[in-house]
N, C-alpha and C. Protein backbone atom coordinates (compact mmCIF):
# COMPACT_ATOMS: atom_id res chain seq x y z
N MET A 1 0.84 -1.37 0.26
CA MET A 1 0.16 -0.07 0.09
C MET A 1 0.93 1.09 0.08
N ARG A 2 0.56 2.13 -0.96
CA ARG A 2 1.15 3.39 -1.08
C ARG A 2 0.52 4.62 -0.40
N VAL A 3 1.34 5.40 0.87
CA VAL A 3 0.70 6.17 1.53
C VAL A 3 1.13 7.50 1.13
N TYR A 4 0.39 8.69 0.98
CA TYR A 4 0.60 9.97 1.00
C TYR A 4 0.78 10.63 2.36
N ILE A 5 1.74 11.18 2.65
CA ILE A 5 1.82 12.14 3.91
C ILE A 5 1.42 13.39 3.79
N SER A 6 0.27 13.96 4.58
CA SER A 6 -0.26 15.33 4.59
C SER A 6 -0.18 16.08 5.81
N GLY A 7 0.31 17.24 5.85
CA GLY A 7 0.54 17.99 7.18
C GLY A 7 0.83 19.45 6.66
N LYS A 8 0.79 20.48 7.53
CA LYS A 8 1.05 21.57 7.34
C LYS A 8 2.50 21.88 7.00
N ILE A 9 2.81 22.44 5.86
CA ILE A 9 4.24 22.82 5.32
C ILE A 9 4.60 24.11 5.53
N GLY A 10 3.51 25.24 5.30
CA GLY A 10 3.76 26.43 5.33
C GLY A 10 4.50 27.30 4.41
N GLU A 11 5.74 27.18 3.81
CA GLU A 11 6.71 27.63 3.15
C GLU A 11 7.10 26.81 1.77
N GLU A 12 7.59 27.72 0.97
CA GLU A 12 8.07 27.29 -0.19
C GLU A 12 9.40 26.13 -0.09
N THR A 13 10.12 26.64 0.99
CA THR A 13 11.16 25.93 1.32
C THR A 13 10.99 25.51 3.00
N PRO A 14 10.41 24.43 3.15
CA PRO A 14 10.04 23.73 4.39
C PRO A 14 11.26 23.94 5.19
N SER A 15 10.73 24.21 6.67
CA SER A 15 11.86 24.61 7.85
C SER A 15 12.43 23.21 8.21
N PRO A 16 13.50 23.11 9.01
CA PRO A 16 14.15 21.88 9.48
C PRO A 16 13.16 21.00 9.97
N GLU A 17 12.30 21.99 11.08
CA GLU A 17 11.22 21.26 11.94
C GLU A 17 10.02 20.48 11.30
N THR A 18 9.74 20.99 10.01
CA THR A 18 8.68 20.55 9.13
C THR A 18 9.39 19.49 8.39
N LEU A 19 10.71 19.36 7.87
CA LEU A 19 11.34 18.31 7.39
C LEU A 19 11.24 17.13 8.33
N ALA A 20 11.98 17.31 9.63
CA ALA A 20 11.81 16.26 10.65
C ALA A 20 10.36 15.83 11.06
N LYS A 21 9.40 16.60 10.70
CA LYS A 21 8.06 15.91 10.94
C LYS A 21 7.83 15.03 10.15
N PHE A 22 7.91 15.41 9.04
CA PHE A 22 7.47 14.45 7.85
C PHE A 22 8.44 13.43 7.56
N LYS A 23 9.73 13.50 8.06
CA LYS A 23 10.75 12.34 7.95
C LYS A 23 10.10 11.31 9.11
N LYS A 24 9.82 11.88 10.23
CA LYS A 24 9.47 10.74 10.96
C LYS A 24 8.21 10.15 11.03
N ALA A 25 7.25 10.54 10.20
CA ALA A 25 5.94 10.29 9.63
C ALA A 25 6.37 9.10 8.61
N GLU A 26 7.52 9.37 7.75
CA GLU A 26 7.91 8.70 6.75
C GLU A 26 8.28 7.15 7.16
N ASP A 27 9.33 7.55 8.53
CA ASP A 27 9.83 6.41 8.96
C ASP A 27 9.02 5.47 9.58
N MET A 28 8.03 5.75 10.22
CA MET A 28 7.00 5.16 10.97
C MET A 28 6.28 4.16 9.85
N LEU A 29 5.74 5.02 9.01
CA LEU A 29 5.01 3.95 7.72
C LEU A 29 5.82 3.08 7.14
N LYS A 30 7.15 3.62 6.62
CA LYS A 30 7.98 2.28 6.02
C LYS A 30 8.18 1.27 7.08
N GLY A 31 8.52 1.78 8.36
CA GLY A 31 8.41 0.48 9.46
C GLY A 31 7.22 -0.35 9.66
N LYS A 32 6.24 0.21 9.03
CA LYS A 32 5.09 -0.68 9.11
C LYS A 32 4.80 -1.42 7.77
N GLY A 33 5.73 -1.14 6.86
CA GLY A 33 5.43 -1.73 5.65
C GLY A 33 5.20 -1.18 4.22
N TYR A 34 4.55 0.16 4.36
CA TYR A 34 4.06 1.06 3.76
C TYR A 34 5.21 1.54 2.65
N GLN A 35 4.73 1.64 1.17
CA GLN A 35 5.41 2.72 0.47
C GLN A 35 4.89 3.82 0.60
N VAL A 36 5.89 4.81 0.65
CA VAL A 36 5.35 6.26 1.09
C VAL A 36 5.74 7.42 0.27
N PHE A 37 5.02 8.44 0.25
CA PHE A 37 5.05 9.69 -0.94
C PHE A 37 5.07 10.78 0.24
N ASN A 38 6.47 11.47 0.03
CA ASN A 38 6.61 12.56 1.33
C ASN A 38 6.76 13.55 0.41
N PRO A 39 5.95 14.66 0.33
CA PRO A 39 5.68 15.77 -0.34
C PRO A 39 6.76 16.75 -0.15
N THR A 40 7.53 16.81 1.09
CA THR A 40 8.64 17.48 1.50
C THR A 40 9.93 17.06 0.60
N THR A 41 10.14 15.58 0.34
CA THR A 41 11.26 15.37 -0.41
C THR A 41 10.92 15.10 -2.01
N SER A 42 9.64 15.36 -2.50
CA SER A 42 9.53 14.75 -3.82
C SER A 42 10.10 15.24 -4.98
N GLY A 43 10.70 16.94 -4.62
CA GLY A 43 11.37 17.45 -5.65
C GLY A 43 10.24 18.47 -6.50
N TYR A 44 9.27 18.27 -6.26
CA TYR A 44 7.78 19.25 -6.72
C TYR A 44 7.99 20.63 -6.68
N GLY A 45 8.98 21.02 -5.66
CA GLY A 45 8.86 22.47 -5.19
C GLY A 45 9.83 22.98 -6.62
N ALA A 46 10.91 22.50 -6.92
CA ALA A 46 11.60 22.96 -8.07
C ALA A 46 11.09 23.21 -9.33
N TYR A 47 10.30 21.83 -9.45
CA TYR A 47 9.75 21.58 -10.66
C TYR A 47 8.54 22.64 -10.81
N ALA A 48 7.71 23.03 -10.08
CA ALA A 48 6.92 23.94 -9.61
C ALA A 48 7.08 25.38 -10.24
N GLU A 49 8.43 25.73 -9.42
CA GLU A 49 8.83 27.21 -9.88
C GLU A 49 9.33 27.30 -11.20
N GLU A 50 9.91 26.38 -11.84
CA GLU A 50 10.34 26.49 -13.26
C GLU A 50 9.01 26.66 -14.10
N PHE A 51 8.18 25.53 -13.83
CA PHE A 51 6.95 25.53 -14.80
C PHE A 51 6.23 26.92 -14.54
N VAL A 52 6.05 27.38 -13.48
CA VAL A 52 5.35 28.80 -13.14
C VAL A 52 6.03 29.79 -13.69
N ARG A 53 7.11 30.00 -13.77
CA ARG A 53 8.03 31.08 -14.72
C ARG A 53 7.93 30.77 -15.92
N ASN A 54 8.24 29.76 -16.59
CA ASN A 54 8.09 29.58 -18.05
C ASN A 54 6.33 29.69 -18.53
N TYR A 55 5.48 29.27 -17.78
CA TYR A 55 4.27 29.38 -18.16
C TYR A 55 3.78 30.74 -18.18
N ASN A 56 3.96 31.53 -17.22
CA ASN A 56 3.53 32.84 -17.23
C ASN A 56 4.41 33.60 -18.12
N LYS A 57 5.65 33.53 -18.51
CA LYS A 57 6.17 34.32 -19.70
C LYS A 57 5.40 34.16 -20.90
N CYS A 58 4.72 33.04 -21.10
CA CYS A 58 3.84 32.83 -22.31
C CYS A 58 2.57 33.68 -22.28
N LEU A 59 2.11 34.05 -21.17
CA LEU A 59 0.77 34.65 -21.16
C LEU A 59 0.83 36.12 -21.25
N PRO A 60 -0.27 36.59 -22.32
CA PRO A 60 -0.42 38.11 -22.32
C PRO A 60 -0.59 38.86 -20.69
N GLU A 61 -0.07 40.02 -20.82
CA GLU A 61 0.00 40.70 -19.76
C GLU A 61 -1.34 40.77 -18.74
N ASN A 62 -2.66 40.95 -19.32
CA ASN A 62 -3.59 40.87 -18.62
C ASN A 62 -4.16 39.56 -18.40
N MET A 63 -3.75 38.55 -18.27
CA MET A 63 -4.45 37.27 -18.34
C MET A 63 -3.86 36.80 -16.72
N CYS A 64 -4.84 35.91 -16.37
CA CYS A 64 -4.66 35.56 -15.10
C CYS A 64 -3.33 34.62 -14.98
N LYS A 65 -2.41 35.07 -13.86
CA LYS A 65 -1.02 34.12 -13.90
C LYS A 65 -1.19 33.03 -12.97
N ILE A 66 -0.73 31.98 -13.26
CA ILE A 66 -0.72 30.70 -12.32
C ILE A 66 0.47 31.05 -11.38
N GLU A 67 0.19 30.62 -9.95
CA GLU A 67 1.06 30.87 -8.58
C GLU A 67 1.58 29.43 -8.48
N TRP A 68 3.00 29.87 -8.21
CA TRP A 68 3.64 28.31 -7.48
C TRP A 68 2.60 27.77 -6.90
N TYR A 69 1.99 28.25 -5.48
CA TYR A 69 1.05 27.18 -4.73
C TYR A 69 0.01 26.58 -5.50
N ASP A 70 -0.31 27.13 -6.39
CA ASP A 70 -1.44 26.36 -7.22
C ASP A 70 -0.73 25.21 -7.93
N LYS A 71 0.22 25.42 -8.57
CA LYS A 71 0.98 24.17 -9.15
C LYS A 71 1.34 23.31 -8.08
N ILE A 72 1.90 23.42 -7.14
CA ILE A 72 2.48 22.52 -6.33
C ILE A 72 1.38 21.75 -5.92
N LEU A 73 0.09 22.56 -5.52
CA LEU A 73 -1.03 21.76 -5.04
C LEU A 73 -1.68 20.97 -5.98
N LEU A 74 -1.81 21.10 -7.13
CA LEU A 74 -2.44 20.52 -8.56
C LEU A 74 -1.22 19.00 -8.46
N MET A 75 -0.06 19.26 -8.33
CA MET A 75 1.00 18.23 -8.35
C MET A 75 0.73 17.28 -7.26
N ASP A 76 0.56 17.96 -6.11
CA ASP A 76 0.47 17.04 -4.89
C ASP A 76 -1.04 16.40 -4.59
N LEU A 77 -2.10 16.67 -5.55
CA LEU A 77 -3.28 15.95 -5.47
C LEU A 77 -3.26 15.03 -6.45
N ASP A 78 -2.30 15.13 -7.62
CA ASP A 78 -1.93 14.22 -8.51
C ASP A 78 -1.31 12.90 -7.82
N ALA A 79 -0.43 13.19 -7.04
CA ALA A 79 0.30 12.17 -5.94
C ALA A 79 -0.85 11.71 -5.27
N VAL A 80 -1.79 12.39 -4.36
CA VAL A 80 -2.72 11.63 -3.70
C VAL A 80 -3.19 10.70 -4.46
N ALA A 81 -3.78 10.98 -5.84
CA ALA A 81 -4.47 9.99 -6.67
C ALA A 81 -3.66 8.82 -6.86
N THR A 82 -2.29 8.68 -6.72
CA THR A 82 -1.45 7.63 -7.12
C THR A 82 -1.13 6.63 -5.93
N CYS A 83 -1.80 7.03 -4.77
CA CYS A 83 -1.86 6.60 -3.57
C CYS A 83 -2.83 5.71 -3.27
N HIS A 84 -2.76 4.73 -2.42
CA HIS A 84 -3.99 4.03 -1.91
C HIS A 84 -4.65 4.75 -0.39
N ALA A 85 -3.65 5.42 0.10
CA ALA A 85 -4.13 6.07 1.55
C ALA A 85 -3.50 7.38 1.66
N ILE A 86 -3.92 8.17 2.72
CA ILE A 86 -3.17 9.26 2.82
C ILE A 86 -3.34 9.25 4.62
N TYR A 87 -2.11 9.79 4.93
CA TYR A 87 -1.67 9.99 6.37
C TYR A 87 -1.96 11.37 6.73
N MET A 88 -2.67 11.69 7.74
CA MET A 88 -2.98 13.42 8.20
C MET A 88 -2.16 13.46 9.08
N LEU A 89 -1.07 14.21 9.27
CA LEU A 89 -0.36 14.73 10.48
C LEU A 89 -1.13 15.54 11.45
N ASP A 90 -0.95 15.63 12.70
CA ASP A 90 -1.42 16.12 13.48
C ASP A 90 -1.98 17.79 13.48
N ASP A 91 -1.50 18.16 12.38
CA ASP A 91 -1.63 19.65 12.23
C ASP A 91 -2.23 20.01 10.81
N TRP A 92 -3.09 19.22 10.42
CA TRP A 92 -3.42 19.03 9.21
C TRP A 92 -4.70 19.88 9.10
N GLU A 93 -5.19 20.03 10.06
CA GLU A 93 -6.39 21.08 9.89
C GLU A 93 -5.98 22.61 9.68
N ASN A 94 -4.71 22.99 10.37
CA ASN A 94 -4.10 24.14 10.12
C ASN A 94 -3.63 24.62 8.90
N SER A 95 -3.81 23.62 7.84
CA SER A 95 -3.24 23.79 6.49
C SER A 95 -4.50 23.88 5.14
N PRO A 96 -4.40 24.90 4.52
CA PRO A 96 -5.54 25.02 3.37
C PRO A 96 -5.20 23.77 2.50
N GLY A 97 -3.65 23.41 1.97
CA GLY A 97 -3.52 22.48 1.50
C GLY A 97 -3.73 20.93 1.52
N ALA A 98 -3.58 20.80 3.08
CA ALA A 98 -3.81 19.51 3.66
C ALA A 98 -5.13 19.41 3.74
N ASN A 99 -6.14 20.20 3.94
CA ASN A 99 -7.38 20.22 4.00
C ASN A 99 -8.15 19.63 2.73
N THR A 100 -7.20 20.48 1.50
CA THR A 100 -7.68 20.06 0.24
C THR A 100 -7.07 18.84 -0.12
N GLU A 101 -6.30 18.20 0.30
CA GLU A 101 -5.79 16.79 0.02
C GLU A 101 -6.87 15.97 0.87
N TYR A 102 -7.16 16.17 2.08
CA TYR A 102 -7.90 15.18 2.83
C TYR A 102 -9.49 15.25 1.72
N SER A 103 -9.86 16.63 1.56
CA SER A 103 -11.30 16.48 0.81
C SER A 103 -11.16 15.35 -0.59
N TYR A 104 -9.84 15.60 -1.18
CA TYR A 104 -9.95 14.87 -2.40
C TYR A 104 -9.53 13.77 -1.99
N ALA A 105 -9.05 13.22 -0.99
CA ALA A 105 -8.82 11.63 -0.66
C ALA A 105 -10.21 10.94 -0.15
N MET A 106 -11.09 11.77 0.14
CA MET A 106 -12.36 11.40 0.70
C MET A 106 -13.23 11.27 -0.66
N ALA A 107 -12.97 12.02 -1.29
CA ALA A 107 -13.93 12.30 -2.54
C ALA A 107 -13.39 10.99 -3.73
N ILE A 108 -12.25 10.53 -3.67
CA ILE A 108 -11.95 9.44 -4.44
C ILE A 108 -11.67 8.09 -3.77
N GLY A 109 -12.12 8.15 -2.80
CA GLY A 109 -12.26 6.69 -1.79
C GLY A 109 -10.93 6.34 -1.50
N ARG A 110 -10.06 7.14 -0.81
CA ARG A 110 -8.80 6.72 -0.46
C ARG A 110 -8.92 6.41 1.04
N LYS A 111 -8.25 5.44 1.63
CA LYS A 111 -8.04 4.95 3.05
C LYS A 111 -7.60 6.37 3.89
N ILE A 112 -7.91 6.64 4.87
CA ILE A 112 -7.42 7.99 5.50
C ILE A 112 -6.83 7.53 6.94
N PHE A 113 -5.77 7.66 7.37
CA PHE A 113 -5.27 7.25 8.32
C PHE A 113 -4.98 8.84 9.17
N PHE A 114 -5.03 8.68 10.62
CA PHE A 114 -4.47 10.10 11.36
C PHE A 114 -3.41 9.77 12.49
N GLN A 115 -2.59 10.93 12.55
CA GLN A 115 -1.55 10.89 13.54
C GLN A 115 -2.45 11.05 14.96
N SER A 116 -3.16 11.75 15.01
CA SER A 116 -3.96 12.22 16.11
C SER A 116 -4.99 11.35 16.54
N LYS A 117 -5.03 10.95 17.81
CA LYS A 117 -6.41 9.90 18.05
C LYS A 117 -7.51 10.52 18.13
N GLU A 118 -7.48 12.16 18.51
CA GLU A 118 -8.89 12.69 18.66
C GLU A 118 -9.03 12.96 16.96
N ASP A 119 -8.47 13.42 15.98
CA ASP A 119 -8.76 13.12 14.65
C ASP A 119 -9.35 11.73 14.23
N ALA A 120 -8.78 10.80 14.62
CA ALA A 120 -9.17 9.28 14.41
C ALA A 120 -10.41 9.19 14.81
N ALA A 121 -11.10 9.65 16.43
CA ALA A 121 -12.38 9.62 16.87
C ALA A 121 -13.36 10.49 16.27
N VAL A 122 -12.94 11.47 15.70
CA VAL A 122 -13.92 12.59 14.99
C VAL A 122 -14.26 12.06 13.52
N TYR A 123 -13.21 11.81 12.71
CA TYR A 123 -13.39 11.52 11.17
C TYR A 123 -13.29 10.19 10.86
N ARG A 124 -13.16 9.20 11.78
CA ARG A 124 -13.61 7.57 11.45
C ARG A 124 -15.27 7.64 11.09
N ASN A 125 -15.96 8.46 11.63
CA ASN A 125 -17.53 8.33 11.84
C ASN A 125 -17.67 8.53 10.01
N ASP A 126 -16.76 9.04 9.11
CA ASP A 126 -16.99 8.93 7.82
C ASP A 126 -17.37 7.65 7.02
N ARG A 127 -16.53 6.67 7.65
CA ARG A 127 -16.73 5.65 7.00
C ARG A 127 -17.03 4.34 7.87
N ASN A 128 -17.25 4.74 9.14
CA ASN A 128 -17.70 3.90 10.14
C ASN A 128 -16.74 2.83 10.54
N GLU A 129 -15.67 3.22 10.59
CA GLU A 129 -14.46 2.58 11.03
C GLU A 129 -13.91 2.95 12.44
N THR A 130 -13.34 1.73 13.00
CA THR A 130 -13.04 2.07 14.52
C THR A 130 -11.72 2.85 14.48
N ILE A 131 -11.49 3.31 15.65
CA ILE A 131 -10.31 4.09 15.70
C ILE A 131 -9.01 3.26 15.41
N GLU A 132 -8.71 2.22 16.25
CA GLU A 132 -7.60 1.23 15.59
C GLU A 132 -7.67 1.06 14.05
N GLU A 133 -8.48 1.26 13.44
CA GLU A 133 -8.33 1.28 11.93
C GLU A 133 -7.72 2.37 11.36
N VAL A 134 -7.92 3.42 11.89
CA VAL A 134 -7.32 4.73 11.33
C VAL A 134 -6.11 5.52 12.18
N TRP A 135 -6.24 5.06 13.20
CA TRP A 135 -5.28 5.71 13.90
C TRP A 135 -3.67 5.17 14.00
N LEU A 136 -2.72 5.91 13.48
CA LEU A 136 -1.36 5.52 13.33
C LEU A 136 -0.41 6.67 14.06
N PRO A 137 -0.25 6.54 15.32
CA PRO A 137 0.88 7.46 16.12
C PRO A 137 1.77 7.33 15.78
N ILE A 138 2.67 8.46 15.80
CA ILE A 138 4.14 8.32 15.43
C ILE A 138 4.68 8.17 16.91
N GLU A 139 5.52 7.30 17.39
CA GLU A 139 6.00 6.86 18.63
C GLU A 139 7.56 7.21 18.80
């Protein structure tokens, strides 16, 4: 099973704390035997920056320009689609991008795991799963 890690990143260049948080989740998931997509190490940031720069050069001045965040979110949603499940870090509700990833994963029927037991208790009701089926704490 391939799992996408979703949580608050907050910057184009993730902070060391953010990188460590995602790495810890990646290590835990790999330790449980999952293949993992970690958006902080995907290389998408540099690709999105180049794409936006080149794409926007081709548009007339009064056309709506694509922003870096728009492109990176579209690529991340594409990555969610290639995964069987999504793992929601405990800060996901504070991130517009992670909220979008969660909604998209729900819409396309992906399994959803939560770091937070409180989230597992609340959001498991969407599919009538037990907390044990959706809660994967990082220890």
